Amino acid sequence: MAKQGGKRKGAQEAAAPLPPPERLSIYSFASRYHALRLPLWIGLVGAVLVLLHIVLMWLYFSQRDLTDDERIRWYMVSIFDLDSEESFGTYFSAVSLLFIGRLVWHQGTRSKAAKEIWFLWWFVLAVVLYLLSIEEVIDSHEMFEEYKRRLHDDRTKTWRTEALVAALFIGAGFIPFLWHHRWRFSGFALLGGALYLLGCLGVDHWTPREGNYNESATYHMWVALEEACELLGPIVFLHGFLAWVAGKPTGLVTEGTEVAE
């Protein structure tokens, strides 16, 4: 009887339903990639877009001596113009920031569930990435600059001073957070942020704007440098974030799983 009971129990265990497959999400997708591989692929696509911008803008603005029939039409190259909101480069940058922001937001929910004191910083960081993603598409800094120039009746007014003050203010608020997560994550976060600010504030400030500045190859080469910095910054941040996650015991928690430290 004991033997039959053991057989029956074994048959029931064998017939037990298999657990459902793990839900595929961007969290599990990112966590399965090495901390270098995913940023490398994103960087490769970004490099191709920057290179296409350089080559096509140089070809377009170097055909002054050609007839209208021989020239490359603007609509043929504008989709690769990184200075335009309606271009592959802009959409790619916006989606990259949105993707990284979603990963950071999930880390915030994980941190909150684990009752860590840093969950609010994760949420704020994710919101900043979301806003930067939106800004890539709607170009709100240009709207603010135009409003400021009309308000002061001064065409030399720019948006960079306010942006730099806001960046320093937010950065100061993150000092305790970055110190706690030193240096594996915070080092790459600081480097990525510095590269992004170098592009959107530094290179943008140094870009020559005289006359019909946007109708020259020189201007678009400066644009390429600016956008390269703005693409490289989030990639460096993503590498540091994934490397930090890979070093934690539980890594990124996928949807439907419990948080355990």
C-alpha atoms as a PDB file:
ATOM      1  CA  MET A   1       0.000   0.000   0.000  1.00  0.00           C
ATOM      2  CA  ALA A   2       2.806   2.356   0.860  1.00  0.00           C
ATOM      3  CA  LYS A   3       4.385   1.532  -2.464  1.00  0.00           C
ATOM      4  CA  GLN A   4       1.152   2.270  -4.352  1.00  0.00           C
ATOM      5  CA  GLY A   5       0.715   5.509  -2.417  1.00  0.00           C
ATOM      6  CA  GLY A   6       4.227   6.539  -3.397  1.00  0.00           C
ATOM      7  CA  LYS A   7       3.494   5.770  -7.050  1.00  0.00           C
ATOM      8  CA  ARG A   8       0.257   7.760  -6.935  1.00  0.00           C
ATOM      9  CA  LYS A   9       2.043  10.721  -5.331  1.00  0.00           C
ATOM     10  CA  GLY A  10       4.790  10.579  -7.971  1.00  0.00           C
ATOM     11  CA  ALA A  11       2.215  10.488 -10.772  1.00  0.00           C
ATOM     12  CA  GLN A  12       0.432  13.512  -9.326  1.00  0.00           C
ATOM     13  CA  GLU A  13       3.710  15.413  -9.122  1.00  0.00           C
ATOM     14  CA  ALA A  14       4.520  14.464 -12.705  1.00  0.00           C
ATOM     15  CA  ALA A  15       1.103  15.636 -13.859  1.00  0.00           C
ATOM     16  CA  ALA A  16       1.359  18.964 -12.011  1.00  0.00           C
ATOM     17  CA  PRO A  17       1.063  21.897 -14.417  1.00  0.00           C
ATOM     18  CA  LEU A  18       4.237  23.686 -15.382  1.00  0.00           C
ATOM     19  CA  PRO A  19       4.694  27.231 -14.099  1.00  0.00           C
ATOM     20  CA  PRO A  20       3.722  29.913 -16.618  1.00  0.00           C
ATOM     21  CA  PRO A  21       6.556  31.288 -18.730  1.00  0.00           C
ATOM     22  CA  GLU A  22       8.185  34.483 -17.529  1.00  0.00           C
ATOM     23  CA  ARG A  23       6.475  37.552 -18.906  1.00  0.00           C
ATOM     24  CA  LEU A  24       8.638  39.238 -21.505  1.00  0.00           C
ATOM     25  CA  SER A  25       9.154  42.902 -20.714  1.00  0.00           C
ATOM     26  CA  ILE A  26      11.738  45.596 -21.256  1.00  0.00           C
ATOM     27  CA  TYR A  27      13.041  44.861 -17.749  1.00  0.00           C
ATOM     28  CA  SER A  28      13.738  41.193 -18.389  1.00  0.00           C
ATOM     29  CA  PHE A  29      15.021  42.076 -21.874  1.00  0.00           C
ATOM     30  CA  ALA A  30      17.524  44.588 -20.497  1.00  0.00           C
ATOM     31  CA  SER A  31      18.577  42.373 -17.597  1.00  0.00           C
ATOM     32  CA  ARG A  32      19.457  39.526 -19.972  1.00  0.00           C
ATOM     33  CA  TYR A  33      21.909  41.711 -21.847  1.00  0.00           C
ATOM     34  CA  HIS A  34      25.429  42.337 -20.665  1.00  0.00           C
ATOM     35  CA  ALA A  35      25.943  45.857 -19.308  1.00  0.00           C
ATOM     36  CA  LEU A  36      28.200  46.603 -22.282  1.00  0.00           C
ATOM     37  CA  ARG A  37      26.288  44.884 -25.090  1.00  0.00           C
ATOM     38  CA  LEU A  38      23.016  46.843 -25.008  1.00  0.00           C
ATOM     39  CA  PRO A  39      24.641  50.307 -24.723  1.00  0.00           C
ATOM     40  CA  LEU A  40      27.068  49.274 -27.466  1.00  0.00           C
ATOM     41  CA  TRP A  41      24.249  48.442 -29.882  1.00  0.00           C
ATOM     42  CA  ILE A  42      22.439  51.696 -29.080  1.00  0.00           C
ATOM     43  CA  GLY A  43      25.694  53.582 -29.554  1.00  0.00           C
ATOM     44  CA  LEU A  44      26.316  51.857 -32.887  1.00  0.00           C
ATOM     45  CA  VAL A  45      22.922  52.944 -34.230  1.00  0.00           C
ATOM     46  CA  GLY A  46      23.520  56.473 -32.933  1.00  0.00           C
ATOM     47  CA  ALA A  47      26.954  56.601 -34.592  1.00  0.00           C
ATOM     48  CA  VAL A  48      25.448  55.553 -37.931  1.00  0.00           C
ATOM     49  CA  LEU A  49      22.831  58.323 -37.675  1.00  0.00           C
ATOM     50  CA  VAL A  50      25.474  60.939 -36.838  1.00  0.00           C
ATOM     51  CA  LEU A  51      27.663  59.746 -39.723  1.00  0.00           C
ATOM     52  CA  LEU A  52      24.717  59.895 -42.140  1.00  0.00           C
ATOM     53  CA  HIS A  53      23.994  63.450 -40.996  1.00  0.00           C
ATOM     54  CA  ILE A  54      27.607  64.512 -41.601  1.00  0.00           C
ATOM     55  CA  VAL A  55      27.868  62.938 -45.057  1.00  0.00           C
ATOM     56  CA  LEU A  56      24.463  64.050 -46.343  1.00  0.00           C
ATOM     57  CA  MET A  57      24.724  67.612 -45.015  1.00  0.00           C
ATOM     58  CA  TRP A  58      28.185  67.981 -46.522  1.00  0.00           C
ATOM     59  CA  LEU A  59      26.969  66.670 -49.882  1.00  0.00           C
ATOM     60  CA  TYR A  60      23.893  68.896 -49.867  1.00  0.00           C
ATOM     61  CA  PHE A  61      25.670  72.145 -48.973  1.00  0.00           C
ATOM     62  CA  SER A  62      28.675  71.502 -51.236  1.00  0.00           C
ATOM     63  CA  GLN A  63      26.619  71.421 -54.462  1.00  0.00           C
ATOM     64  CA  ARG A  64      26.451  75.189 -54.975  1.00  0.00           C
ATOM     65  CA  ASP A  65      27.856  74.971 -58.502  1.00  0.00           C
ATOM     66  CA  LEU A  66      25.422  72.315 -59.679  1.00  0.00           C
ATOM     67  CA  THR A  67      22.253  73.002 -61.628  1.00  0.00           C
ATOM     68  CA  ASP A  68      18.844  72.477 -60.056  1.00  0.00           C
ATOM     69  CA  ASP A  69      18.404  69.209 -61.926  1.00  0.00           C
ATOM     70  CA  GLU A  70      21.714  67.857 -60.596  1.00  0.00           C
ATOM     71  CA  ARG A  71      21.240  68.852 -56.963  1.00  0.00           C
ATOM     72  CA  ILE A  72      20.121  66.582 -54.163  1.00  0.00           C
ATOM     73  CA  ARG A  73      16.696  67.689 -52.966  1.00  0.00           C
ATOM     74  CA  TRP A  74      16.327  68.782 -49.345  1.00  0.00           C
ATOM     75  CA  TYR A  75      13.415  66.419 -48.720  1.00  0.00           C
ATOM     76  CA  MET A  76      15.754  63.538 -49.589  1.00  0.00           C
ATOM     77  CA  VAL A  77      18.207  64.354 -46.784  1.00  0.00           C
ATOM     78  CA  SER A  78      16.102  66.245 -44.210  1.00  0.00           C
ATOM     79  CA  ILE A  79      14.913  63.029 -42.541  1.00  0.00           C
ATOM     80  CA  PHE A  80      18.556  62.502 -41.480  1.00  0.00           C
ATOM     81  CA  ASP A  81      19.081  66.116 -40.354  1.00  0.00           C
ATOM     82  CA  LEU A  82      19.794  65.946 -36.618  1.00  0.00           C
ATOM     83  CA  ASP A  83      18.871  69.615 -36.288  1.00  0.00           C
ATOM     84  CA  SER A  84      15.270  68.796 -37.241  1.00  0.00           C
ATOM     85  CA  GLU A  85      12.635  67.508 -34.823  1.00  0.00           C
ATOM     86  CA  GLU A  86      11.232  65.309 -37.608  1.00  0.00           C
ATOM     87  CA  SER A  87      14.243  63.105 -38.247  1.00  0.00           C
ATOM     88  CA  PHE A  88      15.383  59.587 -37.498  1.00  0.00           C
ATOM     89  CA  GLY A  89      18.068  60.888 -35.138  1.00  0.00           C
ATOM     90  CA  THR A  90      15.616  62.896 -33.057  1.00  0.00           C
ATOM     91  CA  TYR A  91      13.155  60.011 -32.789  1.00  0.00           C
ATOM     92  CA  PHE A  92      15.940  57.586 -31.894  1.00  0.00           C
ATOM     93  CA  SER A  93      17.280  59.875 -29.171  1.00  0.00           C
ATOM     94  CA  ALA A  94      13.772  60.390 -27.756  1.00  0.00           C
ATOM     95  CA  VAL A  95      13.020  56.658 -27.689  1.00  0.00           C
ATOM     96  CA  SER A  96      16.409  55.905 -26.079  1.00  0.00           C
ATOM     97  CA  LEU A  97      15.750  58.397 -23.274  1.00  0.00           C
ATOM     98  CA  LEU A  98      12.238  57.021 -22.827  1.00  0.00           C
ATOM     99  CA  PHE A  99      13.565  53.450 -22.621  1.00  0.00           C
ATOM    100  CA  ILE A 100      16.235  54.351 -20.060  1.00  0.00           C
ATOM    101  CA  GLY A 101      13.704  56.361 -18.075  1.00  0.00           C
ATOM    102  CA  ARG A 102      11.370  53.357 -17.947  1.00  0.00           C
ATOM    103  CA  LEU A 103      14.143  51.167 -16.572  1.00  0.00           C
ATOM    104  CA  VAL A 104      14.981  53.781 -13.935  1.00  0.00           C
ATOM    105  CA  TRP A 105      11.298  54.124 -12.989  1.00  0.00           C
ATOM    106  CA  HIS A 106      11.061  50.366 -12.480  1.00  0.00           C
ATOM    107  CA  GLN A 107      14.132  50.524 -10.266  1.00  0.00           C
ATOM    108  CA  GLY A 108      12.276  53.171  -8.263  1.00  0.00           C
ATOM    109  CA  THR A 109       9.290  50.870  -7.753  1.00  0.00           C
ATOM    110  CA  ARG A 110      11.652  48.099  -6.722  1.00  0.00           C
ATOM    111  CA  SER A 111      13.430  50.406  -4.284  1.00  0.00           C
ATOM    112  CA  LYS A 112      10.116  51.550  -2.816  1.00  0.00           C
ATOM    113  CA  ALA A 113       8.907  47.966  -2.374  1.00  0.00           C
ATOM    114  CA  ALA A 114      12.164  47.175  -0.562  1.00  0.00           C
ATOM    115  CA  LYS A 115      11.537  50.197   1.719  1.00  0.00           C
ATOM    116  CA  GLU A 116      14.754  51.921   0.674  1.00  0.00           C
ATOM    117  CA  ILE A 117      15.050  55.642   1.297  1.00  0.00           C
ATOM    118  CA  TRP A 118      16.325  56.329  -2.233  1.00  0.00           C
ATOM    119  CA  PHE A 119      13.186  55.412  -4.182  1.00  0.00           C
ATOM    120  CA  LEU A 120      12.142  59.070  -4.556  1.00  0.00           C
ATOM    121  CA  TRP A 121      15.455  59.940  -6.235  1.00  0.00           C
ATOM    122  CA  TRP A 122      14.938  57.106  -8.721  1.00  0.00           C
ATOM    123  CA  PHE A 123      11.475  58.437  -9.558  1.00  0.00           C
ATOM    124  CA  VAL A 124      12.731  62.005  -9.995  1.00  0.00           C
ATOM    125  CA  LEU A 125      15.587  60.771 -12.200  1.00  0.00           C
ATOM    126  CA  ALA A 126      13.097  58.838 -14.349  1.00  0.00           C
ATOM    127  CA  VAL A 127      10.867  61.916 -14.693  1.00  0.00           C
ATOM    128  CA  VAL A 128      13.884  63.983 -15.788  1.00  0.00           C
ATOM    129  CA  LEU A 129      14.646  61.398 -18.486  1.00  0.00           C
ATOM    130  CA  TYR A 130      11.000  61.416 -19.589  1.00  0.00           C
ATOM    131  CA  LEU A 131      11.032  65.218 -19.874  1.00  0.00           C
ATOM    132  CA  LEU A 132      14.257  65.161 -21.869  1.00  0.00           C
ATOM    133  CA  SER A 133      12.690  62.605 -24.203  1.00  0.00           C
ATOM    134  CA  ILE A 134       9.671  64.863 -24.758  1.00  0.00           C
ATOM    135  CA  GLU A 135      11.912  67.890 -25.228  1.00  0.00           C
ATOM    136  CA  GLU A 136      13.785  66.135 -28.029  1.00  0.00           C
ATOM    137  CA  VAL A 137      10.571  65.993 -30.056  1.00  0.00           C
ATOM    138  CA  ILE A 138       8.740  69.238 -29.225  1.00  0.00           C
ATOM    139  CA  ASP A 139      11.879  71.438 -28.917  1.00  0.00           C
ATOM    140  CA  SER A 140      10.435  73.399 -26.004  1.00  0.00           C
ATOM    141  CA  HIS A 141      13.694  75.276 -25.336  1.00  0.00           C
ATOM    142  CA  GLU A 142      13.298  77.095 -28.668  1.00  0.00           C
ATOM    143  CA  MET A 143       9.783  78.165 -27.655  1.00  0.00           C
ATOM    144  CA  PHE A 144      11.102  79.446 -24.316  1.00  0.00           C
ATOM    145  CA  GLU A 145      13.934  81.302 -26.042  1.00  0.00           C
ATOM    146  CA  GLU A 146      11.545  83.028 -28.439  1.00  0.00           C
ATOM    147  CA  TYR A 147       9.254  84.010 -25.562  1.00  0.00           C
ATOM    148  CA  LYS A 148      12.214  85.399 -23.593  1.00  0.00           C
ATOM    149  CA  ARG A 149      13.445  87.454 -26.545  1.00  0.00           C
ATOM    150  CA  ARG A 150      10.023  88.947 -27.125  1.00  0.00           C
ATOM    151  CA  LEU A 151       9.595  89.713 -23.429  1.00  0.00           C
ATOM    152  CA  HIS A 152      12.898  91.586 -23.200  1.00  0.00           C
ATOM    153  CA  ASP A 153      12.904  92.780 -26.825  1.00  0.00           C
ATOM    154  CA  ASP A 154      16.432  91.423 -27.136  1.00  0.00           C
ATOM    155  CA  ARG A 155      17.414  88.892 -29.818  1.00  0.00           C
ATOM    156  CA  THR A 156      20.580  87.925 -27.900  1.00  0.00           C
ATOM    157  CA  LYS A 157      18.642  86.324 -25.039  1.00  0.00           C
ATOM    158  CA  THR A 158      18.938  82.533 -24.863  1.00  0.00           C
ATOM    159  CA  TRP A 159      17.569  79.674 -22.783  1.00  0.00           C
ATOM    160  CA  ARG A 160      20.958  78.323 -21.663  1.00  0.00           C
ATOM    161  CA  THR A 161      21.343  80.338 -18.454  1.00  0.00           C
ATOM    162  CA  GLU A 162      18.077  79.052 -17.000  1.00  0.00           C
ATOM    163  CA  ALA A 163      18.854  75.522 -18.190  1.00  0.00           C
ATOM    164  CA  LEU A 164      22.277  75.569 -16.516  1.00  0.00           C
ATOM    165  CA  VAL A 165      20.797  76.857 -13.245  1.00  0.00           C
ATOM    166  CA  ALA A 166      18.119  74.144 -13.338  1.00  0.00           C
ATOM    167  CA  ALA A 167      20.740  71.455 -14.042  1.00  0.00           C
ATOM    168  CA  LEU A 168      22.936  72.626 -11.151  1.00  0.00           C
ATOM    169  CA  PHE A 169      19.932  72.785  -8.818  1.00  0.00           C
ATOM    170  CA  ILE A 170      18.815  69.243  -9.695  1.00  0.00           C
ATOM    171  CA  GLY A 171      22.400  67.993  -9.514  1.00  0.00           C
ATOM    172  CA  ALA A 172      22.830  69.450  -6.022  1.00  0.00           C
ATOM    173  CA  GLY A 173      19.708  67.598  -4.896  1.00  0.00           C
ATOM    174  CA  PHE A 174      21.196  64.331  -6.131  1.00  0.00           C
ATOM    175  CA  ILE A 175      24.498  64.653  -4.231  1.00  0.00           C
ATOM    176  CA  PRO A 176      23.399  62.361  -1.325  1.00  0.00           C
ATOM    177  CA  PHE A 177      21.959  59.838  -3.784  1.00  0.00           C
ATOM    178  CA  LEU A 178      25.102  59.749  -5.917  1.00  0.00           C
ATOM    179  CA  TRP A 179      27.352  59.538  -2.865  1.00  0.00           C
ATOM    180  CA  HIS A 180      25.399  56.545  -1.584  1.00  0.00           C
ATOM    181  CA  HIS A 181      25.726  54.778  -4.959  1.00  0.00           C
ATOM    182  CA  ARG A 182      29.391  55.637  -5.515  1.00  0.00           C
ATOM    183  CA  TRP A 183      31.244  54.871  -7.730  1.00  0.00           C
ATOM    184  CA  ARG A 184      30.115  52.050  -9.921  1.00  0.00           C
ATOM    185  CA  PHE A 185      26.870  53.814 -10.784  1.00  0.00           C
ATOM    186  CA  SER A 186      27.376  57.439  -9.805  1.00  0.00           C
ATOM    187  CA  GLY A 187      30.641  57.799 -11.728  1.00  0.00           C
ATOM    188  CA  PHE A 188      29.004  56.822 -15.019  1.00  0.00           C
ATOM    189  CA  ALA A 189      25.890  58.868 -14.154  1.00  0.00           C
ATOM    190  CA  LEU A 190      27.996  61.996 -13.621  1.00  0.00           C
ATOM    191  CA  LEU A 191      29.999  61.373 -16.797  1.00  0.00           C
ATOM    192  CA  GLY A 192      26.842  60.757 -18.829  1.00  0.00           C
ATOM    193  CA  GLY A 193      25.184  63.891 -17.464  1.00  0.00           C
ATOM    194  CA  ALA A 194      28.294  65.965 -18.156  1.00  0.00           C
ATOM    195  CA  LEU A 195      28.430  64.745 -21.772  1.00  0.00           C
ATOM    196  CA  TYR A 196      24.750  65.541 -22.283  1.00  0.00           C
ATOM    197  CA  LEU A 197      25.138  69.062 -20.853  1.00  0.00           C
ATOM    198  CA  LEU A 198      28.307  69.568 -22.895  1.00  0.00           C
ATOM    199  CA  GLY A 199      26.274  68.925 -26.023  1.00  0.00           C
ATOM    200  CA  CYS A 200      23.038  70.776 -25.317  1.00  0.00           C
ATOM    201  CA  LEU A 201      24.628  73.753 -23.506  1.00  0.00           C
ATOM    202  CA  GLY A 202      28.337  73.893 -24.360  1.00  0.00           C
ATOM    203  CA  VAL A 203      28.511  72.941 -28.039  1.00  0.00           C
ATOM    204  CA  ASP A 204      25.186  74.661 -28.725  1.00  0.00           C
ATOM    205  CA  HIS A 205      26.632  77.864 -27.217  1.00  0.00           C
ATOM    206  CA  TRP A 206      29.818  77.696 -29.295  1.00  0.00           C
ATOM    207  CA  THR A 207      28.031  76.915 -32.559  1.00  0.00           C
ATOM    208  CA  PRO A 208      28.435  79.953 -34.899  1.00  0.00           C
ATOM    209  CA  ARG A 209      25.141  81.683 -35.717  1.00  0.00           C
ATOM    210  CA  GLU A 210      25.717  84.534 -38.108  1.00  0.00           C
ATOM    211  CA  GLY A 211      23.529  85.374 -41.076  1.00  0.00           C
ATOM    212  CA  ASN A 212      21.822  82.353 -42.595  1.00  0.00           C
ATOM    213  CA  TYR A 213      23.836  80.095 -40.314  1.00  0.00           C
ATOM    214  CA  ASN A 214      21.625  77.020 -40.807  1.00  0.00           C
ATOM    215  CA  GLU A 215      22.320  77.057 -44.539  1.00  0.00           C
ATOM    216  CA  SER A 216      25.960  76.050 -44.277  1.00  0.00           C
ATOM    217  CA  ALA A 217      27.826  72.790 -43.910  1.00  0.00           C
ATOM    218  CA  THR A 218      29.883  74.225 -41.028  1.00  0.00           C
ATOM    219  CA  TYR A 219      26.805  74.770 -38.895  1.00  0.00           C
ATOM    220  CA  HIS A 220      25.600  71.224 -39.479  1.00  0.00           C
ATOM    221  CA  MET A 221      29.005  69.815 -38.500  1.00  0.00           C
ATOM    222  CA  TRP A 222      28.616  71.584 -35.161  1.00  0.00           C
ATOM    223  CA  VAL A 223      25.124  70.101 -34.913  1.00  0.00           C
ATOM    224  CA  ALA A 224      26.630  66.642 -35.447  1.00  0.00           C
ATOM    225  CA  LEU A 225      29.030  67.202 -32.529  1.00  0.00           C
ATOM    226  CA  GLU A 226      26.219  68.477 -30.305  1.00  0.00           C
ATOM    227  CA  GLU A 227      23.911  65.553 -31.055  1.00  0.00           C
ATOM    228  CA  ALA A 228      26.755  63.045 -30.682  1.00  0.00           C
ATOM    229  CA  CYS A 229      27.311  64.293 -27.115  1.00  0.00           C
ATOM    230  CA  GLU A 230      23.567  64.152 -26.403  1.00  0.00           C
ATOM    231  CA  LEU A 231      23.440  60.558 -27.664  1.00  0.00           C
ATOM    232  CA  LEU A 232      26.616  59.437 -25.905  1.00  0.00           C
ATOM    233  CA  GLY A 233      25.600  60.822 -22.494  1.00  0.00           C
ATOM    234  CA  PRO A 234      22.546  58.572 -21.988  1.00  0.00           C
ATOM    235  CA  ILE A 235      24.481  55.582 -23.341  1.00  0.00           C
ATOM    236  CA  VAL A 236      27.219  56.052 -20.732  1.00  0.00           C
ATOM    237  CA  PHE A 237      24.540  56.413 -18.059  1.00  0.00           C
ATOM    238  CA  LEU A 238      22.814  53.222 -19.254  1.00  0.00           C
ATOM    239  CA  HIS A 239      26.079  51.272 -19.101  1.00  0.00           C
ATOM    240  CA  GLY A 240      26.699  52.387 -15.527  1.00  0.00           C
ATOM    241  CA  PHE A 241      23.113  51.632 -14.523  1.00  0.00           C
ATOM    242  CA  LEU A 242      23.103  48.115 -16.008  1.00  0.00           C
ATOM    243  CA  ALA A 243      26.540  47.377 -14.530  1.00  0.00           C
ATOM    244  CA  TRP A 244      25.244  48.452 -11.112  1.00  0.00           C
ATOM    245  CA  VAL A 245      22.094  46.337 -11.517  1.00  0.00           C
ATOM    246  CA  ALA A 246      24.159  43.320 -12.568  1.00  0.00           C
ATOM    247  CA  GLY A 247      26.165  43.646  -9.371  1.00  0.00           C
ATOM    248  CA  LYS A 248      23.091  43.448  -7.131  1.00  0.00           C
ATOM    249  CA  PRO A 249      21.943  40.049  -5.775  1.00  0.00           C
ATOM    250  CA  THR A 250      18.512  40.105  -7.415  1.00  0.00           C
ATOM    251  CA  GLY A 251      19.201  42.306 -10.425  1.00  0.00           C
ATOM    252  CA  LEU A 252      16.235  43.858 -12.186  1.00  0.00           C
ATOM    253  CA  VAL A 253      12.974  42.442 -10.881  1.00  0.00           C
ATOM    254  CA  THR A 254      10.584  41.470 -13.646  1.00  0.00           C
ATOM    255  CA  GLU A 255       6.868  42.140 -13.442  1.00  0.00           C
ATOM    256  CA  GLY A 256       4.995  39.706 -11.213  1.00  0.00           C
ATOM    257  CA  THR A 257       8.003  38.738  -9.111  1.00  0.00           C
ATOM    258  CA  GLU A 258       8.524  39.504  -5.455  1.00  0.00           C
ATOM    259  CA  VAL A 259      11.251  41.758  -4.193  1.00  0.00           C
ATOM    260  CA  ALA A 260      13.716  39.995  -1.975  1.00  0.00           C
ATOM    261  CA  GLU A 261      16.983  41.243  -0.616  1.00  0.00           C
END
